[in-house]
C-alpha atoms as a PDB file:
ATOM      1  CA  MET A   1     -16.213  35.153   1.514  1.00  0.00           C
ATOM      2  CA  GLU A   2     -20.005  35.389   1.328  1.00  0.00           C
ATOM      3  CA  LEU A   3     -21.859  32.919  -0.854  1.00  0.00           C
ATOM      4  CA  GLY A   4     -23.193  35.738  -3.044  1.00  0.00           C
ATOM      5  CA  LYS A   5     -19.703  37.032  -3.693  1.00  0.00           C
ATOM      6  CA  VAL A   6     -18.430  33.555  -4.488  1.00  0.00           C
ATOM      7  CA  THR A   7     -21.260  33.026  -6.963  1.00  0.00           C
ATOM      8  CA  ALA A   8     -20.634  36.396  -8.600  1.00  0.00           C
ATOM      9  CA  LEU A   9     -16.923  35.659  -8.882  1.00  0.00           C
ATOM     10  CA  MET A  10     -17.604  32.258 -10.468  1.00  0.00           C
ATOM     11  CA  LYS A  11     -19.949  33.812 -13.012  1.00  0.00           C
ATOM     12  CA  ALA A  12     -17.451  36.548 -13.808  1.00  0.00           C
ATOM     13  CA  THR A  13     -14.651  33.991 -14.210  1.00  0.00           C
ATOM     14  CA  ALA A  14     -16.756  31.864 -16.549  1.00  0.00           C
ATOM     15  CA  LEU A  15     -17.490  34.966 -18.638  1.00  0.00           C
ATOM     16  CA  GLU A  16     -13.785  35.847 -18.711  1.00  0.00           C
ATOM     17  CA  VAL A  17     -12.931  32.366 -20.019  1.00  0.00           C
ATOM     18  CA  ALA A  18     -15.593  32.628 -22.724  1.00  0.00           C
ATOM     19  CA  ILE A  19     -14.382  36.075 -23.781  1.00  0.00           C
ATOM     20  CA  LEU A  20     -10.750  34.930 -23.797  1.00  0.00           C
ATOM     21  CA  THR A  21     -11.646  32.002 -26.039  1.00  0.00           C
ATOM     22  CA  GLY A  22     -13.403  34.244 -28.515  1.00  0.00           C
ATOM     23  CA  HIS A  23     -10.615  36.799 -28.372  1.00  0.00           C
ATOM     24  CA  LEU A  24      -7.981  34.177 -29.187  1.00  0.00           C
ATOM     25  CA  VAL A  25      -9.909  33.389 -32.365  1.00  0.00           C
ATOM     26  CA  LEU A  26      -9.953  37.062 -33.397  1.00  0.00           C
ATOM     27  CA  TYR A  27      -6.455  37.894 -32.216  1.00  0.00           C
ATOM     28  CA  PRO A  28      -4.666  37.030 -35.503  1.00  0.00           C
ATOM     29  CA  TYR A  29      -6.937  39.449 -37.393  1.00  0.00           C
ATOM     30  CA  GLY A  30      -5.874  42.293 -35.132  1.00  0.00           C
ATOM     31  CA  ILE A  31      -2.113  41.875 -35.497  1.00  0.00           C
ATOM     32  CA  VAL A  32      -1.932  43.817 -38.748  1.00  0.00           C
ATOM     33  CA  ALA A  33      -2.577  47.545 -38.491  1.00  0.00           C
ATOM     34  CA  GLU A  34      -6.001  48.520 -39.722  1.00  0.00           C
ATOM     35  CA  ARG A  35      -6.557  50.002 -43.144  1.00  0.00           C
ATOM     36  CA  VAL A  36      -8.784  53.038 -43.503  1.00  0.00           C
ATOM     37  CA  SER A  37     -10.993  52.641 -46.553  1.00  0.00           C
ATOM     38  CA  PRO A  38     -13.865  54.894 -47.662  1.00  0.00           C
ATOM     39  CA  THR A  39     -15.810  51.867 -48.833  1.00  0.00           C
ATOM     40  CA  SER A  40     -15.277  49.538 -45.893  1.00  0.00           C
ATOM     41  CA  ASP A  41     -18.205  48.175 -43.892  1.00  0.00           C
ATOM     42  CA  PRO A  42     -17.466  47.830 -40.152  1.00  0.00           C
ATOM     43  CA  THR A  43     -20.133  45.121 -39.807  1.00  0.00           C
ATOM     44  CA  ALA A  44     -18.886  42.928 -42.657  1.00  0.00           C
ATOM     45  CA  ASP A  45     -15.650  41.782 -41.019  1.00  0.00           C
ATOM     46  CA  PRO A  46     -14.884  41.509 -37.278  1.00  0.00           C
ATOM     47  CA  THR A  47     -11.965  43.923 -37.576  1.00  0.00           C
ATOM     48  CA  ALA A  48     -13.067  45.951 -40.596  1.00  0.00           C
ATOM     49  CA  ASP A  49     -12.729  49.711 -40.411  1.00  0.00           C
ATOM     50  CA  PRO A  50     -15.505  52.286 -40.501  1.00  0.00           C
ATOM     51  CA  ALA A  51     -15.506  54.909 -43.249  1.00  0.00           C
ATOM     52  CA  ALA A  52     -12.838  57.512 -42.624  1.00  0.00           C
ATOM     53  CA  PRO A  53     -13.557  60.549 -44.816  1.00  0.00           C
ATOM     54  CA  ALA A  54     -10.742  62.648 -46.157  1.00  0.00           C
ATOM     55  CA  THR A  55     -12.599  65.842 -45.283  1.00  0.00           C
ATOM     56  CA  THR A  56     -14.131  67.220 -42.125  1.00  0.00           C
ATOM     57  CA  ILE A  57     -16.707  64.884 -40.606  1.00  0.00           C
ATOM     58  CA  ALA A  58     -19.963  65.888 -38.973  1.00  0.00           C
ATOM     59  CA  PRO A  59     -19.681  68.622 -36.306  1.00  0.00           C
ATOM     60  CA  GLY A  60     -19.816  67.172 -32.810  1.00  0.00           C
ATOM     61  CA  SER A  61     -18.801  63.721 -33.960  1.00  0.00           C
ATOM     62  CA  ARG A  62     -15.184  63.737 -32.837  1.00  0.00           C
ATOM     63  CA  PRO A  63     -12.951  60.889 -34.006  1.00  0.00           C
ATOM     64  CA  VAL A  64     -12.562  58.112 -31.435  1.00  0.00           C
ATOM     65  CA  VAL A  65      -9.218  56.410 -30.923  1.00  0.00           C
ATOM     66  CA  LEU A  66      -9.188  52.949 -29.286  1.00  0.00           C
ATOM     67  CA  LEU A  67      -5.991  51.774 -27.588  1.00  0.00           C
ATOM     68  CA  HIS A  68      -5.512  48.203 -26.403  1.00  0.00           C
ATOM     69  CA  GLY A  69      -3.700  46.818 -23.375  1.00  0.00           C
ATOM     70  CA  PHE A  70      -0.560  44.817 -22.667  1.00  0.00           C
ATOM     71  CA  VAL A  71       0.194  41.891 -25.070  1.00  0.00           C
ATOM     72  CA  ASP A  72      -3.074  42.583 -26.859  1.00  0.00           C
ATOM     73  CA  ASN A  73      -4.085  44.208 -30.138  1.00  0.00           C
ATOM     74  CA  ARG A  74      -6.968  46.083 -31.746  1.00  0.00           C
ATOM     75  CA  SER A  75      -9.136  42.957 -31.995  1.00  0.00           C
ATOM     76  CA  VAL A  76     -10.168  43.469 -28.358  1.00  0.00           C
ATOM     77  CA  PHE A  77     -12.360  46.374 -29.518  1.00  0.00           C
ATOM     78  CA  VAL A  78     -14.408  44.533 -32.164  1.00  0.00           C
ATOM     79  CA  LEU A  79     -17.691  44.882 -30.292  1.00  0.00           C
ATOM     80  CA  LEU A  80     -17.075  48.302 -28.795  1.00  0.00           C
ATOM     81  CA  ARG A  81     -16.155  49.896 -32.113  1.00  0.00           C
ATOM     82  CA  ARG A  82     -19.213  48.341 -33.714  1.00  0.00           C
ATOM     83  CA  SER A  83     -21.356  49.821 -30.938  1.00  0.00           C
ATOM     84  CA  LEU A  84     -19.806  53.250 -31.456  1.00  0.00           C
ATOM     85  CA  THR A  85     -20.234  53.254 -35.230  1.00  0.00           C
ATOM     86  CA  ARG A  86     -23.821  52.083 -34.995  1.00  0.00           C
ATOM     87  CA  HIS A  87     -24.592  54.984 -32.681  1.00  0.00           C
ATOM     88  CA  GLY A  88     -23.267  57.779 -34.847  1.00  0.00           C
ATOM     89  CA  ARG A  89     -19.491  57.778 -34.451  1.00  0.00           C
ATOM     90  CA  ASP A  90     -18.373  57.787 -38.089  1.00  0.00           C
ATOM     91  CA  CYS A  91     -14.636  57.825 -37.442  1.00  0.00           C
ATOM     92  CA  VAL A  92     -13.434  55.141 -35.023  1.00  0.00           C
ATOM     93  CA  GLU A  93      -9.834  53.937 -35.301  1.00  0.00           C
ATOM     94  CA  SER A  94      -8.115  51.177 -33.329  1.00  0.00           C
ATOM     95  CA  LEU A  95      -4.381  51.622 -32.943  1.00  0.00           C
ATOM     96  CA  ASN A  96      -1.757  48.945 -32.391  1.00  0.00           C
ATOM     97  CA  TYR A  97       1.527  49.614 -30.656  1.00  0.00           C
ATOM     98  CA  SER A  98       4.416  47.219 -31.127  1.00  0.00           C
ATOM     99  CA  PRO A  99       4.538  44.134 -28.879  1.00  0.00           C
ATOM    100  CA  LEU A 100       8.246  44.915 -28.592  1.00  0.00           C
ATOM    101  CA  THR A 101       7.520  48.244 -26.908  1.00  0.00           C
ATOM    102  CA  CYS A 102       9.421  48.446 -23.627  1.00  0.00           C
ATOM    103  CA  ASP A 103       8.639  52.005 -22.539  1.00  0.00           C
ATOM    104  CA  LEU A 104       5.184  53.400 -21.889  1.00  0.00           C
ATOM    105  CA  ARG A 105       6.460  56.894 -22.641  1.00  0.00           C
ATOM    106  CA  ALA A 106       7.603  55.882 -26.119  1.00  0.00           C
ATOM    107  CA  ALA A 107       4.161  54.416 -26.790  1.00  0.00           C
ATOM    108  CA  ALA A 108       2.605  57.705 -25.622  1.00  0.00           C
ATOM    109  CA  GLU A 109       4.764  59.637 -28.088  1.00  0.00           C
ATOM    110  CA  LEU A 110       3.654  57.329 -30.893  1.00  0.00           C
ATOM    111  CA  LEU A 111       0.044  57.837 -29.847  1.00  0.00           C
ATOM    112  CA  GLY A 112       0.574  61.590 -30.096  1.00  0.00           C
ATOM    113  CA  ARG A 113       1.814  61.301 -33.680  1.00  0.00           C
ATOM    114  CA  ARG A 114      -1.156  59.135 -34.627  1.00  0.00           C
ATOM    115  CA  VAL A 115      -3.591  61.564 -33.018  1.00  0.00           C
ATOM    116  CA  ASP A 116      -2.083  64.413 -35.054  1.00  0.00           C
ATOM    117  CA  GLU A 117      -2.458  62.340 -38.235  1.00  0.00           C
ATOM    118  CA  ILE A 118      -6.105  61.689 -37.482  1.00  0.00           C
ATOM    119  CA  ARG A 119      -6.761  65.334 -36.682  1.00  0.00           C
ATOM    120  CA  ALA A 120      -5.139  66.442 -39.928  1.00  0.00           C
ATOM    121  CA  ARG A 121      -7.097  63.889 -41.970  1.00  0.00           C
ATOM    122  CA  THR A 122     -10.507  64.552 -40.430  1.00  0.00           C
ATOM    123  CA  GLY A 123     -10.230  68.287 -39.869  1.00  0.00           C
ATOM    124  CA  HIS A 124     -11.103  67.970 -36.179  1.00  0.00           C
ATOM    125  CA  ASP A 125      -9.135  69.849 -33.549  1.00  0.00           C
ATOM    126  CA  GLU A 126      -9.881  67.218 -30.875  1.00  0.00           C
ATOM    127  CA  VAL A 127     -10.354  63.461 -30.575  1.00  0.00           C
ATOM    128  CA  ASP A 128     -11.714  61.173 -27.880  1.00  0.00           C
ATOM    129  CA  ILE A 129      -9.699  58.200 -26.647  1.00  0.00           C
ATOM    130  CA  VAL A 130     -10.816  54.931 -25.059  1.00  0.00           C
ATOM    131  CA  GLY A 131      -7.990  52.903 -23.524  1.00  0.00           C
ATOM    132  CA  HIS A 132      -8.216  49.414 -22.055  1.00  0.00           C
ATOM    133  CA  SER A 133      -5.820  48.504 -19.236  1.00  0.00           C
ATOM    134  CA  LEU A 134      -2.289  49.632 -20.192  1.00  0.00           C
ATOM    135  CA  GLY A 135      -3.763  51.505 -23.166  1.00  0.00           C
ATOM    136  CA  GLY A 136      -5.512  53.848 -20.757  1.00  0.00           C
ATOM    137  CA  LEU A 137      -2.255  54.530 -18.930  1.00  0.00           C
ATOM    138  CA  ILE A 138      -0.435  55.268 -22.201  1.00  0.00           C
ATOM    139  CA  ALA A 139      -3.182  57.706 -23.208  1.00  0.00           C
ATOM    140  CA  ARG A 140      -3.139  59.334 -19.788  1.00  0.00           C
ATOM    141  CA  TYR A 141       0.627  59.890 -20.042  1.00  0.00           C
ATOM    142  CA  TYR A 142       0.128  61.498 -23.456  1.00  0.00           C
ATOM    143  CA  VAL A 143      -2.558  63.786 -22.066  1.00  0.00           C
ATOM    144  CA  GLN A 144      -0.811  64.764 -18.812  1.00  0.00           C
ATOM    145  CA  ARG A 145       2.843  64.793 -19.758  1.00  0.00           C
ATOM    146  CA  LEU A 146       3.052  65.377 -23.526  1.00  0.00           C
ATOM    147  CA  GLY A 147       0.513  68.141 -24.031  1.00  0.00           C
ATOM    148  CA  GLY A 148      -2.218  65.864 -25.299  1.00  0.00           C
ATOM    149  CA  ASP A 149      -4.866  67.692 -23.271  1.00  0.00           C
ATOM    150  CA  THR A 150      -5.044  70.272 -26.099  1.00  0.00           C
ATOM    151  CA  ARG A 151      -6.000  67.500 -28.525  1.00  0.00           C
ATOM    152  CA  VAL A 152      -8.034  65.035 -26.435  1.00  0.00           C
ATOM    153  CA  ARG A 153     -11.487  66.119 -25.277  1.00  0.00           C
ATOM    154  CA  THR A 154     -12.429  63.002 -23.301  1.00  0.00           C
ATOM    155  CA  LEU A 155     -10.310  60.036 -22.189  1.00  0.00           C
ATOM    156  CA  VAL A 156     -12.191  56.928 -21.102  1.00  0.00           C
ATOM    157  CA  THR A 157     -10.163  54.239 -19.323  1.00  0.00           C
ATOM    158  CA  LEU A 158     -11.321  50.647 -18.817  1.00  0.00           C
ATOM    159  CA  GLY A 159      -9.591  48.682 -16.075  1.00  0.00           C
ATOM    160  CA  THR A 160      -6.466  50.856 -16.110  1.00  0.00           C
ATOM    161  CA  PRO A 161      -3.936  50.572 -13.233  1.00  0.00           C
ATOM    162  CA  HIS A 162      -3.851  54.287 -12.424  1.00  0.00           C
ATOM    163  CA  SER A 163      -2.070  53.751  -9.112  1.00  0.00           C
ATOM    164  CA  GLY A 164      -0.359  50.475 -10.058  1.00  0.00           C
ATOM    165  CA  THR A 165      -1.239  46.787  -9.876  1.00  0.00           C
ATOM    166  CA  THR A 166       0.619  44.061  -7.969  1.00  0.00           C
ATOM    167  CA  VAL A 167      -0.773  41.152  -9.989  1.00  0.00           C
ATOM    168  CA  ALA A 168       1.602  38.510 -11.429  1.00  0.00           C
ATOM    169  CA  PRO A 169       4.862  39.428  -9.638  1.00  0.00           C
ATOM    170  CA  LEU A 170       6.825  37.025 -11.833  1.00  0.00           C
ATOM    171  CA  ALA A 171       6.046  39.215 -14.858  1.00  0.00           C
ATOM    172  CA  ASP A 172       8.330  41.979 -13.559  1.00  0.00           C
ATOM    173  CA  ALA A 173      10.981  40.947 -16.056  1.00  0.00           C
ATOM    174  CA  HIS A 174       9.093  42.979 -18.662  1.00  0.00           C
ATOM    175  CA  PRO A 175       9.799  46.742 -18.472  1.00  0.00           C
ATOM    176  CA  LEU A 176       6.168  47.672 -19.213  1.00  0.00           C
ATOM    177  CA  VAL A 177       4.969  45.538 -16.313  1.00  0.00           C
ATOM    178  CA  ARG A 178       7.447  47.261 -14.009  1.00  0.00           C
ATOM    179  CA  GLN A 179       6.095  50.612 -15.135  1.00  0.00           C
ATOM    180  CA  MET A 180       2.625  49.490 -14.054  1.00  0.00           C
ATOM    181  CA  ARG A 181       3.764  48.673 -10.522  1.00  0.00           C
ATOM    182  CA  PRO A 182       2.873  50.945  -7.609  1.00  0.00           C
ATOM    183  CA  GLY A 183       5.533  53.580  -7.086  1.00  0.00           C
ATOM    184  CA  SER A 184       7.130  53.246 -10.530  1.00  0.00           C
ATOM    185  CA  GLU A 185       8.786  56.317 -12.031  1.00  0.00           C
ATOM    186  CA  VAL A 186       6.009  56.638 -14.625  1.00  0.00           C
ATOM    187  CA  LEU A 187       3.257  56.487 -12.011  1.00  0.00           C
ATOM    188  CA  ARG A 188       5.105  59.023  -9.870  1.00  0.00           C
ATOM    189  CA  GLU A 189       5.184  61.358 -12.873  1.00  0.00           C
ATOM    190  CA  LEU A 190       1.454  60.918 -13.394  1.00  0.00           C
ATOM    191  CA  ALA A 191       0.757  61.528  -9.711  1.00  0.00           C
ATOM    192  CA  GLY A 192       2.549  64.884  -9.913  1.00  0.00           C
ATOM    193  CA  PRO A 193       0.835  68.230 -10.452  1.00  0.00           C
ATOM    194  CA  ALA A 194      -1.176  68.684 -13.664  1.00  0.00           C
ATOM    195  CA  PRO A 195      -2.532  72.218 -13.382  1.00  0.00           C
ATOM    196  CA  GLY A 196      -4.820  73.357 -16.175  1.00  0.00           C
ATOM    197  CA  CYS A 197      -5.244  69.908 -17.741  1.00  0.00           C
ATOM    198  CA  ARG A 198      -8.250  70.301 -20.067  1.00  0.00           C
ATOM    199  CA  THR A 199      -9.056  66.677 -20.851  1.00  0.00           C
ATOM    200  CA  ARG A 200     -12.032  65.115 -19.098  1.00  0.00           C
ATOM    201  CA  PHE A 201     -11.512  61.612 -17.689  1.00  0.00           C
ATOM    202  CA  VAL A 202     -14.041  58.822 -17.181  1.00  0.00           C
ATOM    203  CA  SER A 203     -12.576  55.743 -15.475  1.00  0.00           C
ATOM    204  CA  PHE A 204     -14.470  52.441 -15.464  1.00  0.00           C
ATOM    205  CA  TRP A 205     -13.322  49.995 -12.789  1.00  0.00           C
ATOM    206  CA  SER A 206     -14.731  46.610 -11.811  1.00  0.00           C
ATOM    207  CA  ASP A 207     -15.027  45.140  -8.337  1.00  0.00           C
ATOM    208  CA  LEU A 208     -14.258  41.686  -9.804  1.00  0.00           C
ATOM    209  CA  ASP A 209     -11.235  42.678 -11.918  1.00  0.00           C
ATOM    210  CA  GLN A 210      -8.596  40.071 -11.070  1.00  0.00           C
ATOM    211  CA  VAL A 211      -5.872  41.879 -13.037  1.00  0.00           C
ATOM    212  CA  MET A 212      -6.193  45.096 -11.020  1.00  0.00           C
ATOM    213  CA  VAL A 213      -4.789  44.343  -7.543  1.00  0.00           C
ATOM    214  CA  PRO A 214      -6.253  45.962  -5.581  1.00  0.00           C
ATOM    215  CA  VAL A 215      -9.333  46.581  -7.723  1.00  0.00           C
ATOM    216  CA  GLU A 216      -9.477  50.223  -6.585  1.00  0.00           C
ATOM    217  CA  THR A 217      -6.237  50.909  -8.465  1.00  0.00           C
ATOM    218  CA  ALA A 218      -8.359  51.322 -11.594  1.00  0.00           C
ATOM    219  CA  ARG A 219     -10.000  54.375 -10.024  1.00  0.00           C
ATOM    220  CA  LEU A 220      -8.420  57.653 -11.064  1.00  0.00           C
ATOM    221  CA  ASP A 221      -7.984  60.075  -8.199  1.00  0.00           C
ATOM    222  CA  HIS A 222      -5.988  63.213  -8.894  1.00  0.00           C
ATOM    223  CA  PRO A 223      -6.659  66.700  -7.475  1.00  0.00           C
ATOM    224  CA  ASP A 224      -5.867  68.492 -10.736  1.00  0.00           C
ATOM    225  CA  LEU A 225      -7.919  66.310 -13.093  1.00  0.00           C
ATOM    226  CA  LEU A 226     -11.622  66.424 -13.950  1.00  0.00           C
ATOM    227  CA  VAL A 227     -12.539  62.772 -13.290  1.00  0.00           C
ATOM    228  CA  HIS A 228     -15.662  60.654 -13.038  1.00  0.00           C
ATOM    229  CA  ASN A 229     -15.113  57.114 -11.716  1.00  0.00           C
ATOM    230  CA  VAL A 230     -17.625  54.466 -12.756  1.00  0.00           C
ATOM    231  CA  ARG A 231     -17.835  51.297 -10.704  1.00  0.00           C
ATOM    232  CA  VAL A 232     -18.837  48.173 -12.630  1.00  0.00           C
ATOM    233  CA  SER A 233     -20.151  45.139 -10.746  1.00  0.00           C
ATOM    234  CA  GLY A 234     -20.191  41.505 -11.810  1.00  0.00           C
ATOM    235  CA  ILE A 235     -17.628  41.356 -14.631  1.00  0.00           C
ATOM    236  CA  GLY A 236     -13.879  40.953 -14.916  1.00  0.00           C
ATOM    237  CA  HIS A 237     -11.005  42.626 -16.745  1.00  0.00           C
ATOM    238  CA  LEU A 238     -11.528  41.179 -20.232  1.00  0.00           C
ATOM    239  CA  ALA A 239     -15.252  41.915 -20.175  1.00  0.00           C
ATOM    240  CA  LEU A 240     -14.839  45.664 -19.771  1.00  0.00           C
ATOM    241  CA  PRO A 241     -14.332  46.453 -23.494  1.00  0.00           C
ATOM    242  CA  VAL A 242     -16.946  43.839 -24.460  1.00  0.00           C
ATOM    243  CA  HIS A 243     -19.889  44.183 -22.103  1.00  0.00           C
ATOM    244  CA  PRO A 244     -22.879  45.994 -23.727  1.00  0.00           C
ATOM    245  CA  THR A 245     -23.744  47.964 -20.609  1.00  0.00           C
ATOM    246  CA  VAL A 246     -20.188  49.273 -20.359  1.00  0.00           C
ATOM    247  CA  ALA A 247     -20.354  50.145 -24.062  1.00  0.00           C
ATOM    248  CA  ALA A 248     -23.495  52.167 -23.373  1.00  0.00           C
ATOM    249  CA  GLY A 249     -21.698  53.984 -20.579  1.00  0.00           C
ATOM    250  CA  VAL A 250     -18.736  54.709 -22.849  1.00  0.00           C
ATOM    251  CA  ARG A 251     -21.030  56.111 -25.537  1.00  0.00           C
ATOM    252  CA  GLU A 252     -22.770  58.307 -22.993  1.00  0.00           C
ATOM    253  CA  ALA A 253     -19.482  59.596 -21.623  1.00  0.00           C
ATOM    254  CA  LEU A 254     -18.209  60.465 -25.090  1.00  0.00           C
ATOM    255  CA  ASP A 255     -21.453  62.036 -26.268  1.00  0.00           C
ATOM    256  CA  ALA A 256     -21.604  64.169 -23.134  1.00  0.00           C
ATOM    257  CA  GLY A 257     -18.020  65.252 -23.640  1.00  0.00           C
ATOM    258  CA  GLY A 258     -17.504  64.892 -19.912  1.00  0.00           C
ATOM    259  CA  PRO A 259     -18.520  62.892 -16.860  1.00  0.00           C
ATOM    260  CA  ALA A 260     -21.053  60.136 -17.535  1.00  0.00           C
ATOM    261  CA  ALA A 261     -24.538  60.949 -16.385  1.00  0.00           C
ATOM    262  CA  SER A 262     -26.292  58.715 -13.901  1.00  0.00           C
ATOM    263  CA  GLY A 263     -27.786  55.620 -15.443  1.00  0.00           C
ATOM    264  CA  THR A 264     -25.407  54.093 -17.996  1.00  0.00           C
ATOM    265  CA  GLY A 265     -27.757  51.412 -19.221  1.00  0.00           C
ATOM    266  CA  ASP A 266     -29.972  48.606 -17.980  1.00  0.00           C
ATOM    267  CA  GLY A 267     -29.271  47.872 -14.334  1.00  0.00           C
ATOM    268  CA  ALA A 268     -27.364  51.090 -13.743  1.00  0.00           C
ATOM    269  CA  ARG A 269     -27.970  53.039 -10.573  1.00  0.00           C
ATOM    270  CA  GLU A 270     -26.304  56.027  -8.988  1.00  0.00           C
ATOM    271  CA  GLU A 271     -24.082  54.780  -6.175  1.00  0.00           C
ATOM    272  CA  GLY A 272     -22.819  58.106  -4.864  1.00  0.00           C
ATOM    273  CA  PRO A 273     -20.795  61.131  -5.896  1.00  0.00           C
ATOM    274  CA  GLY A 274     -18.420  60.213  -8.727  1.00  0.00           C
ATOM    275  CA  ALA A 275     -19.378  56.560  -9.026  1.00  0.00           C
ATOM    276  CA  THR A 276     -22.008  54.435 -10.745  1.00  0.00           C
ATOM    277  CA  SER A 277     -22.618  50.734 -10.210  1.00  0.00           C
ATOM    278  CA  VAL A 278     -23.500  48.743 -13.313  1.00  0.00           C
ATOM    279  CA  ALA A 279     -24.951  45.312 -12.537  1.00  0.00           C
END
């Protein structure tokens, strides 16, 4: 391995350790489902909720649903949700699914019910979803297989194993892990035809993601889907929902309602068709 790659990997690993340490501190706050309060201040508490009005919110400002990954909870989105609310998204909700969940499809059905609740409460026909890791796969199943494309305008995935990851083979005892393996029944379903799917997908993947094996598995390639893949350089799996440049790219993707435009923040450069490298 080249010296430059070794140095980059060491820096990314150090950042992952720092993020993990901070996340462990916040994790207990994210176990309990969030409470939507019209008087809450999203900057006052690390996991506080933004205002969620009972009537229709501003046109063009679709609700954003954040969905965490495996053995995680909503606390992983503390910084991203703050970034979204500070840049005009006045309804951002982080959902928890049970740590006892053993079937991705059941979690997708639950997501569908929560999306309908949010749509009814806000008066919006559509929402946007940002899913980290397994959360992105759950949201994709909802969109592709459960009719969610009529309710989800844009789905952003962060480090999601779209074609399966082979990391941690000893974890196969857990049914959700098996569903994230290459060739699983769930992934075969998602690889099948999806004609007319209306949701737009933006998939962020990192070349130093040690949880996605191989790293390219976090790219979404499907002939029937409208997809823009965004390559992120220099950070690992845990940094994806935390890094400010990725947050800028997410905001841009959501505001555009489709593929992210070239230049997702400082250090961004167009790498080629369908991909952007963020240093």
